[in-house]
Amino acid sequence: MKNKILILTDKNRTSPIAWEKIGIVVDQLSELYQMAKESMIDLIIVDEMRTDLRPAVAIKLRRSNGLTDIWKVSADASEFDYHETHFDGSFSVELGNDGI
């Protein structure tokens, strides 16, 4: 069974990762909400430049998908902010497509 993965990207930023090979790419928060309401989502990956995914938004996303993990992707592995408790984890784009 293939996991359902959503990736919330910043459309103004280029990434070394081919996100389309990993999951469904969206650049609007409204698209993310709609897809999370319509189907079971296993993982949401959020670009570090997306500051609009705040704790209240994460709670709303998890209402219909209680077991969804939300991970933040950053340019550098050491940039994770441990005060952002609404993220379940973080990883760096330095991992590349094979590492992710």
N, C-alpha and C. Protein backbone atom coordinates (compact mmCIF):
# COMPACT_ATOMS: atom_id res chain seq x y z
N MET A 1 0.84 -1.18 0.00
CA MET A 1 0.00 0.00 0.00
C MET A 1 0.88 1.24 0.00
N LYS A 2 0.61 2.14 -0.90
CA LYS A 2 1.39 3.37 -1.01
C LYS A 2 0.90 4.39 0.01
N ASN A 3 1.83 4.99 0.71
CA ASN A 3 1.49 6.02 1.68
C ASN A 3 1.05 7.28 0.97
N LYS A 4 0.13 8.00 1.59
CA LYS A 4 -0.35 9.26 1.03
C LYS A 4 0.48 10.38 1.65
N ILE A 5 1.26 11.06 0.81
CA ILE A 5 2.16 12.11 1.27
C ILE A 5 1.81 13.40 0.55
N LEU A 6 1.66 14.47 1.32
CA LEU A 6 1.44 15.80 0.76
C LEU A 6 2.65 16.67 1.07
N ILE A 7 3.06 17.47 0.11
CA ILE A 7 4.20 18.36 0.29
C ILE A 7 3.72 19.79 0.07
N LEU A 8 3.86 20.63 1.09
CA LEU A 8 3.51 22.04 1.00
C LEU A 8 4.78 22.82 0.73
N THR A 9 4.91 23.33 -0.48
CA THR A 9 6.13 24.00 -0.90
C THR A 9 5.92 25.51 -1.02
N ASP A 10 7.03 26.18 -1.19
CA ASP A 10 7.02 27.61 -1.50
C ASP A 10 7.27 27.71 -3.00
N LYS A 11 6.27 28.18 -3.74
CA LYS A 11 6.38 28.18 -5.21
C LYS A 11 7.46 29.12 -5.73
N ASN A 12 7.93 30.03 -4.90
CA ASN A 12 8.96 30.98 -5.32
C ASN A 12 10.37 30.46 -5.07
N ARG A 13 10.47 29.25 -4.58
CA ARG A 13 11.78 28.71 -4.21
C ARG A 13 12.03 27.40 -4.96
N THR A 14 13.23 27.26 -5.48
CA THR A 14 13.58 26.01 -6.15
C THR A 14 14.21 25.07 -5.14
N SER A 15 14.01 23.79 -5.36
CA SER A 15 14.51 22.79 -4.43
C SER A 15 15.31 21.73 -5.18
N PRO A 16 16.35 21.20 -4.56
CA PRO A 16 17.11 20.12 -5.21
C PRO A 16 16.37 18.78 -5.17
N ILE A 17 15.25 18.73 -4.47
CA ILE A 17 14.48 17.50 -4.32
C ILE A 17 13.38 17.46 -5.38
N ALA A 18 13.20 16.32 -6.02
CA ALA A 18 12.10 16.13 -6.97
C ALA A 18 10.87 15.68 -6.17
N TRP A 19 10.16 16.64 -5.59
CA TRP A 19 9.04 16.35 -4.69
C TRP A 19 7.94 15.56 -5.38
N GLU A 20 7.77 15.75 -6.67
CA GLU A 20 6.70 15.06 -7.40
C GLU A 20 6.87 13.54 -7.36
N LYS A 21 8.10 13.07 -7.19
CA LYS A 21 8.36 11.63 -7.10
C LYS A 21 8.02 11.08 -5.73
N ILE A 22 7.90 11.95 -4.74
CA ILE A 22 7.67 11.52 -3.36
C ILE A 22 6.19 11.57 -2.99
N GLY A 23 5.50 12.60 -3.45
CA GLY A 23 4.10 12.75 -3.09
C GLY A 23 3.41 13.82 -3.91
N ILE A 24 2.27 14.25 -3.43
CA ILE A 24 1.48 15.27 -4.10
C ILE A 24 1.94 16.64 -3.63
N VAL A 25 2.33 17.48 -4.57
CA VAL A 25 2.87 18.80 -4.25
C VAL A 25 1.77 19.85 -4.36
N VAL A 26 1.64 20.65 -3.31
CA VAL A 26 0.71 21.78 -3.32
C VAL A 26 1.45 23.02 -2.85
N ASP A 27 0.99 24.18 -3.30
CA ASP A 27 1.63 25.41 -2.84
C ASP A 27 0.65 26.37 -2.17
N GLN A 28 -0.58 25.92 -2.03
CA GLN A 28 -1.60 26.73 -1.36
C GLN A 28 -2.10 25.99 -0.12
N LEU A 29 -2.21 26.70 0.97
CA LEU A 29 -2.69 26.10 2.21
C LEU A 29 -4.12 25.59 2.05
N SER A 30 -4.93 26.28 1.25
CA SER A 30 -6.31 25.84 1.03
C SER A 30 -6.36 24.48 0.32
N GLU A 31 -5.43 24.25 -0.61
CA GLU A 31 -5.35 22.94 -1.27
C GLU A 31 -5.00 21.85 -0.27
N LEU A 32 -4.08 22.16 0.63
CA LEU A 32 -3.67 21.21 1.65
C LEU A 32 -4.85 20.85 2.55
N TYR A 33 -5.60 21.85 3.00
CA TYR A 33 -6.80 21.61 3.82
C TYR A 33 -7.78 20.69 3.10
N GLN A 34 -8.07 21.02 1.85
CA GLN A 34 -9.06 20.26 1.08
C GLN A 34 -8.65 18.81 0.93
N MET A 35 -7.40 18.58 0.58
CA MET A 35 -6.93 17.20 0.39
C MET A 35 -6.91 16.44 1.71
N ALA A 36 -6.58 17.12 2.79
CA ALA A 36 -6.56 16.47 4.10
C ALA A 36 -7.98 16.10 4.55
N LYS A 37 -8.97 16.90 4.16
CA LYS A 37 -10.35 16.60 4.51
C LYS A 37 -10.90 15.45 3.68
N GLU A 38 -10.46 15.33 2.44
CA GLU A 38 -11.04 14.36 1.51
C GLU A 38 -10.44 12.97 1.61
N SER A 39 -9.22 12.83 2.13
CA SER A 39 -8.60 11.51 2.17
C SER A 39 -7.66 11.39 3.37
N MET A 40 -7.30 10.15 3.66
CA MET A 40 -6.36 9.89 4.75
C MET A 40 -4.95 10.26 4.29
N ILE A 41 -4.28 11.06 5.08
CA ILE A 41 -2.92 11.51 4.78
C ILE A 41 -1.99 10.94 5.84
N ASP A 42 -0.90 10.30 5.40
CA ASP A 42 0.06 9.74 6.33
C ASP A 42 1.12 10.75 6.76
N LEU A 43 1.54 11.59 5.81
CA LEU A 43 2.64 12.50 6.08
C LEU A 43 2.44 13.80 5.33
N ILE A 44 2.69 14.91 6.02
CA ILE A 44 2.72 16.23 5.40
C ILE A 44 4.13 16.77 5.58
N ILE A 45 4.76 17.14 4.48
CA ILE A 45 6.09 17.73 4.51
C ILE A 45 5.94 19.21 4.19
N VAL A 46 6.51 20.05 5.03
CA VAL A 46 6.34 21.50 4.90
C VAL A 46 7.69 22.16 4.68
N ASP A 47 7.78 22.98 3.64
CA ASP A 47 8.99 23.74 3.37
C ASP A 47 9.22 24.74 4.50
N GLU A 48 10.47 24.93 4.88
CA GLU A 48 10.80 25.83 5.98
C GLU A 48 10.38 27.28 5.72
N MET A 49 10.22 27.65 4.47
CA MET A 49 9.82 29.02 4.13
C MET A 49 8.32 29.25 4.32
N ARG A 50 7.56 28.19 4.53
CA ARG A 50 6.12 28.31 4.75
C ARG A 50 5.87 28.62 6.22
N THR A 51 5.67 29.88 6.51
CA THR A 51 5.44 30.29 7.90
C THR A 51 3.96 30.30 8.24
N ASP A 52 3.11 29.96 7.28
CA ASP A 52 1.67 29.99 7.53
C ASP A 52 1.14 28.71 8.16
N LEU A 53 1.97 27.69 8.33
CA LEU A 53 1.52 26.48 9.00
C LEU A 53 1.89 26.60 10.48
N ARG A 54 0.99 27.21 11.21
CA ARG A 54 1.17 27.47 12.64
C ARG A 54 0.51 26.34 13.45
N PRO A 55 0.67 26.33 14.77
CA PRO A 55 0.08 25.26 15.58
C PRO A 55 -1.43 25.10 15.39
N ALA A 56 -2.17 26.19 15.28
CA ALA A 56 -3.62 26.09 15.08
C ALA A 56 -3.96 25.42 13.75
N VAL A 57 -3.17 25.69 12.74
CA VAL A 57 -3.38 25.07 11.43
C VAL A 57 -3.09 23.57 11.51
N ALA A 58 -2.03 23.21 12.21
CA ALA A 58 -1.68 21.79 12.37
C ALA A 58 -2.79 21.04 13.10
N ILE A 59 -3.38 21.65 14.10
CA ILE A 59 -4.49 21.03 14.83
C ILE A 59 -5.67 20.82 13.89
N LYS A 60 -5.97 21.82 13.09
CA LYS A 60 -7.08 21.71 12.15
C LYS A 60 -6.84 20.60 11.13
N LEU A 61 -5.60 20.47 10.65
CA LEU A 61 -5.27 19.41 9.70
C LEU A 61 -5.41 18.03 10.32
N ARG A 62 -5.10 17.93 11.60
CA ARG A 62 -5.14 16.63 12.28
C ARG A 62 -6.54 16.24 12.73
N ARG A 63 -7.51 17.13 12.64
CA ARG A 63 -8.88 16.78 13.04
C ARG A 63 -9.42 15.61 12.22
N SER A 64 -9.21 15.67 10.92
CA SER A 64 -9.71 14.60 10.06
C SER A 64 -8.68 13.50 9.84
N ASN A 65 -7.45 13.75 10.19
CA ASN A 65 -6.35 12.78 10.03
C ASN A 65 -5.52 12.77 11.31
N GLY A 66 -6.05 12.14 12.34
CA GLY A 66 -5.42 12.18 13.65
C GLY A 66 -4.02 11.60 13.73
N LEU A 67 -3.68 10.68 12.86
CA LEU A 67 -2.37 10.04 12.90
C LEU A 67 -1.38 10.63 11.90
N THR A 68 -1.73 11.74 11.29
CA THR A 68 -0.85 12.37 10.31
C THR A 68 0.38 12.97 10.99
N ASP A 69 1.55 12.67 10.44
CA ASP A 69 2.79 13.31 10.87
C ASP A 69 3.02 14.54 10.02
N ILE A 70 3.51 15.60 10.65
CA ILE A 70 3.86 16.83 9.93
C ILE A 70 5.34 17.09 10.17
N TRP A 71 6.11 17.05 9.09
CA TRP A 71 7.55 17.24 9.18
C TRP A 71 7.95 18.49 8.42
N LYS A 72 8.96 19.15 8.94
CA LYS A 72 9.49 20.36 8.32
C LYS A 72 10.79 20.01 7.60
N VAL A 73 10.95 20.53 6.41
CA VAL A 73 12.18 20.31 5.66
C VAL A 73 12.95 21.63 5.61
N SER A 74 14.24 21.55 5.89
CA SER A 74 15.06 22.75 5.92
C SER A 74 16.29 22.57 5.02
N ALA A 75 16.95 23.67 4.77
CA ALA A 75 18.15 23.63 3.92
C ALA A 75 19.34 23.04 4.68
N ASP A 76 19.33 23.18 6.00
CA ASP A 76 20.44 22.72 6.82
C ASP A 76 19.89 21.89 7.98
N ALA A 77 20.50 20.77 8.26
CA ALA A 77 20.03 19.86 9.30
C ALA A 77 20.06 20.48 10.69
N SER A 78 20.90 21.46 10.91
CA SER A 78 21.02 22.06 12.25
C SER A 78 20.04 23.20 12.48
N GLU A 79 19.15 23.48 11.53
CA GLU A 79 18.25 24.62 11.64
C GLU A 79 16.92 24.32 12.32
N PHE A 80 16.69 23.12 12.82
CA PHE A 80 15.39 22.78 13.40
C PHE A 80 15.15 23.57 14.68
N ASP A 81 13.98 24.17 14.78
CA ASP A 81 13.59 24.94 15.95
C ASP A 81 12.78 24.03 16.87
N TYR A 82 13.34 23.66 17.99
CA TYR A 82 12.68 22.72 18.90
C TYR A 82 11.48 23.32 19.62
N HIS A 83 11.25 24.61 19.46
CA HIS A 83 10.08 25.25 20.05
C HIS A 83 8.85 25.10 19.17
N GLU A 84 9.03 24.63 17.96
CA GLU A 84 7.90 24.41 17.06
C GLU A 84 7.34 23.02 17.31
N THR A 85 6.56 22.91 18.36
CA THR A 85 6.07 21.60 18.80
C THR A 85 4.98 21.03 17.90
N HIS A 86 4.45 21.81 16.98
CA HIS A 86 3.41 21.28 16.08
C HIS A 86 4.01 20.45 14.95
N PHE A 87 5.34 20.46 14.81
CA PHE A 87 6.00 19.58 13.85
C PHE A 87 6.45 18.32 14.58
N ASP A 88 6.28 17.18 13.92
CA ASP A 88 6.69 15.91 14.52
C ASP A 88 8.17 15.64 14.31
N GLY A 89 8.78 16.34 13.39
CA GLY A 89 10.19 16.15 13.13
C GLY A 89 10.67 17.08 12.04
N SER A 90 11.93 16.92 11.70
CA SER A 90 12.55 17.76 10.68
C SER A 90 13.64 16.97 9.98
N PHE A 91 13.86 17.30 8.73
CA PHE A 91 14.99 16.73 8.01
C PHE A 91 15.51 17.76 7.03
N SER A 92 16.69 17.52 6.51
CA SER A 92 17.36 18.46 5.63
C SER A 92 17.28 18.00 4.18
N VAL A 93 17.23 18.96 3.27
CA VAL A 93 17.27 18.62 1.85
C VAL A 93 18.62 18.04 1.46
N GLU A 94 19.60 18.16 2.35
CA GLU A 94 20.92 17.59 2.10
C GLU A 94 20.85 16.07 1.93
N LEU A 95 19.77 15.45 2.42
CA LEU A 95 19.60 14.01 2.27
C LEU A 95 19.42 13.61 0.81
N GLY A 96 18.86 14.50 0.02
CA GLY A 96 18.62 14.21 -1.39
C GLY A 96 17.42 13.29 -1.58
N ASN A 97 17.10 13.00 -2.83
CA ASN A 97 15.96 12.14 -3.14
C ASN A 97 16.11 10.74 -2.56
N ASP A 98 17.30 10.19 -2.60
CA ASP A 98 17.51 8.83 -2.10
C ASP A 98 17.37 8.75 -0.59
N GLY A 99 17.78 9.78 0.11
CA GLY A 99 17.70 9.78 1.57
C GLY A 99 16.29 9.95 2.09
N ILE A 100 15.48 10.64 1.33
CA ILE A 100 14.11 10.90 1.76
C ILE A 100 13.26 9.70 1.41
